[in-house]
Amino acid sequence: MPDNVSARLPVILRELAWTIHKRSPDRAGVGPLPTTEVALLKQVVDAPGSTVGELSAALGLRQPNASAAIRVLVGKGLVERAADETDKRTVRIVPTAFGRAEHEAIAADWAGAVAEAIAQLGARDRAALEAASGAMTELTKLVRGV
């Protein structure tokens, strides 16, 4: 890969990720969700039973911002607060069945939009993306610190 492409690749990937991420669909019954709330809903679905502090840390959010977004998600019926089994002072955030369904619908919408765009690419570009899928998976793990 030429050096100029190597230097541009992180910017290209950021633009792609941001473009996909900001497609916050207007889900029936919920309305549009800001990106912070979409990210929190995904994190709650991925790690049910997390505390607000754990969710904040996982997403790099300030705890007051995460708390405010959680209040909105609770108000929309997407998540609920549950007392910890062993320490009743600790509050855990869990997705509702409606929240899981909305998360799946949002993920399907995003994936569908990307799949449609990929289908519009030429065969050479599609093959290049398919060939890079393993590297992109590894890159995701490294960026996440996994």
Protein backbone atom coordinates (compact mmCIF):
# COMPACT_ATOMS: atom_id res chain seq x y z
CA MET A 1 0.00 0.00 0.00
CA PRO A 2 1.53 3.37 -0.95
CA ASP A 3 2.42 5.63 1.96
CA ASN A 4 -0.17 8.26 1.06
CA VAL A 5 -2.93 5.61 1.19
CA SER A 6 -1.56 4.31 4.50
CA ALA A 7 -1.75 7.80 5.93
CA ARG A 8 -5.29 8.35 4.60
CA LEU A 9 -6.69 4.95 5.63
CA PRO A 10 -7.48 5.91 9.26
CA VAL A 11 -9.32 9.01 8.02
CA ILE A 12 -11.21 6.98 5.41
CA LEU A 13 -12.23 4.41 8.04
CA ARG A 14 -13.30 7.15 10.46
CA GLU A 15 -15.46 8.78 7.81
CA LEU A 16 -17.04 5.43 6.94
CA ALA A 17 -17.68 4.61 10.60
CA TRP A 18 -19.13 8.04 11.32
CA THR A 19 -21.34 7.94 8.23
CA ILE A 20 -22.73 4.56 9.27
CA HIS A 21 -23.06 5.59 12.92
CA LYS A 22 -24.92 8.84 12.30
CA ARG A 23 -27.63 6.99 10.37
CA SER A 24 -29.73 6.92 13.52
CA PRO A 25 -32.96 5.55 12.11
CA ASP A 26 -36.34 6.86 13.11
CA ARG A 27 -37.76 3.66 14.59
CA ALA A 28 -41.50 3.23 14.82
CA GLY A 29 -42.72 4.03 18.30
CA VAL A 30 -39.43 5.39 19.54
CA GLY A 31 -38.55 8.23 17.20
CA PRO A 32 -35.01 9.21 16.32
CA LEU A 33 -32.35 8.42 18.91
CA PRO A 34 -29.26 10.59 19.27
CA THR A 35 -25.99 8.75 18.69
CA THR A 36 -25.19 8.69 22.43
CA GLU A 37 -28.45 6.90 23.17
CA VAL A 38 -27.94 4.47 20.27
CA ALA A 39 -24.43 3.71 21.57
CA LEU A 40 -25.71 3.22 25.13
CA LEU A 41 -28.53 0.95 23.99
CA LYS A 42 -26.02 -1.18 22.06
CA GLN A 43 -23.71 -1.33 25.08
CA VAL A 44 -26.57 -2.32 27.42
CA VAL A 45 -27.63 -5.07 25.00
CA ASP A 46 -24.00 -6.23 24.67
CA ALA A 47 -23.32 -6.07 28.43
CA PRO A 48 -26.66 -6.34 30.25
CA GLY A 49 -26.52 -5.64 33.96
CA SER A 50 -23.78 -3.01 33.72
CA THR A 51 -23.82 -0.03 36.04
CA VAL A 52 -24.00 3.50 34.68
CA GLY A 53 -20.33 3.90 35.63
CA GLU A 54 -19.37 0.79 33.69
CA LEU A 55 -21.38 1.96 30.68
CA SER A 56 -19.78 5.40 30.88
CA ALA A 57 -16.30 3.93 31.01
CA ALA A 58 -16.93 1.49 28.17
CA LEU A 59 -18.09 4.29 25.87
CA GLY A 60 -15.78 7.04 27.08
CA LEU A 61 -18.68 9.20 28.24
CA ARG A 62 -18.91 11.48 31.23
CA GLN A 63 -21.10 9.79 33.83
CA PRO A 64 -23.64 12.67 34.02
CA ASN A 65 -24.12 12.46 30.23
CA ALA A 66 -24.56 8.70 30.39
CA SER A 67 -27.02 9.05 33.29
CA ALA A 68 -29.10 11.58 31.34
CA ALA A 69 -29.16 9.35 28.26
CA ILE A 70 -30.11 6.32 30.38
CA ARG A 71 -33.04 8.32 31.80
CA VAL A 72 -34.23 8.95 28.22
CA LEU A 73 -33.84 5.25 27.33
CA VAL A 74 -35.79 4.27 30.46
CA GLY A 75 -38.49 6.79 29.56
CA LYS A 76 -38.80 5.26 26.08
CA GLY A 77 -39.05 1.76 27.54
CA LEU A 78 -35.80 0.57 25.95
CA VAL A 79 -33.92 -0.20 29.19
CA GLU A 80 -34.78 -0.51 32.85
CA ARG A 81 -33.01 -0.18 36.14
CA ALA A 82 -32.69 -3.28 38.31
CA ALA A 83 -31.32 -3.63 41.82
CA ASP A 84 -28.17 -5.73 42.11
CA GLU A 85 -28.88 -9.19 43.55
CA THR A 86 -26.19 -8.95 46.23
CA ASP A 87 -25.89 -5.20 46.84
CA LYS A 88 -29.27 -3.47 46.73
CA ARG A 89 -27.51 -0.06 46.62
CA THR A 90 -26.10 -0.89 43.18
CA VAL A 91 -28.32 -0.28 40.18
CA ARG A 92 -27.87 -2.38 37.06
CA ILE A 93 -29.10 -1.32 33.62
CA VAL A 94 -30.76 -4.05 31.55
CA PRO A 95 -32.46 -3.95 28.16
CA THR A 96 -36.17 -4.55 27.88
CA ALA A 97 -37.55 -6.89 25.24
CA PHE A 98 -38.61 -3.75 23.35
CA GLY A 99 -35.08 -2.36 23.69
CA ARG A 100 -33.55 -5.56 22.30
CA ALA A 101 -35.99 -5.49 19.39
CA GLU A 102 -35.21 -1.84 18.64
CA HIS A 103 -31.47 -2.51 18.85
CA GLU A 104 -31.83 -5.40 16.40
CA ALA A 105 -33.93 -3.25 14.05
CA ILE A 106 -31.37 -0.43 14.13
CA ALA A 107 -28.51 -2.88 13.51
CA ALA A 108 -30.41 -4.48 10.63
CA ASP A 109 -31.13 -1.07 9.11
CA TRP A 110 -27.47 -0.06 9.30
CA ALA A 111 -26.27 -3.40 7.95
CA GLY A 112 -28.85 -3.26 5.17
CA ALA A 113 -27.74 0.19 4.09
CA VAL A 114 -24.10 -0.90 4.00
CA ALA A 115 -24.99 -4.11 2.14
CA GLU A 116 -26.91 -2.07 -0.45
CA ALA A 117 -23.93 0.25 -0.91
CA ILE A 118 -21.52 -2.69 -1.24
CA ALA A 119 -23.80 -4.24 -3.87
CA GLN A 120 -23.44 -1.05 -5.92
CA LEU A 121 -19.66 -1.33 -5.98
CA GLY A 122 -17.88 -2.89 -8.89
CA ALA A 123 -16.78 -6.52 -8.60
CA ARG A 124 -13.15 -5.51 -8.03
CA ASP A 125 -13.99 -3.21 -5.10
CA ARG A 126 -16.35 -5.80 -3.56
CA ALA A 127 -13.62 -8.44 -3.80
CA ALA A 128 -11.12 -6.05 -2.21
CA LEU A 129 -13.47 -5.43 0.72
CA GLU A 130 -14.12 -9.14 1.15
CA ALA A 131 -10.38 -9.83 1.07
CA ALA A 132 -9.84 -7.16 3.75
CA SER A 133 -12.60 -8.40 6.08
CA GLY A 134 -10.22 -10.45 8.24
CA ALA A 135 -7.84 -7.52 8.59
CA MET A 136 -10.73 -5.19 9.47
CA THR A 137 -11.90 -7.64 12.15
CA GLU A 138 -8.41 -7.74 13.66
CA LEU A 139 -8.14 -3.94 13.44
CA THR A 140 -11.43 -3.62 15.32
CA LYS A 141 -10.10 -5.87 18.10
CA LEU A 142 -6.88 -3.86 18.35
CA VAL A 143 -8.70 -0.53 18.46
CA ARG A 144 -11.06 -1.87 21.15
CA GLY A 145 -8.08 -3.13 23.11
CA VAL A 146 -9.34 -6.72 23.10
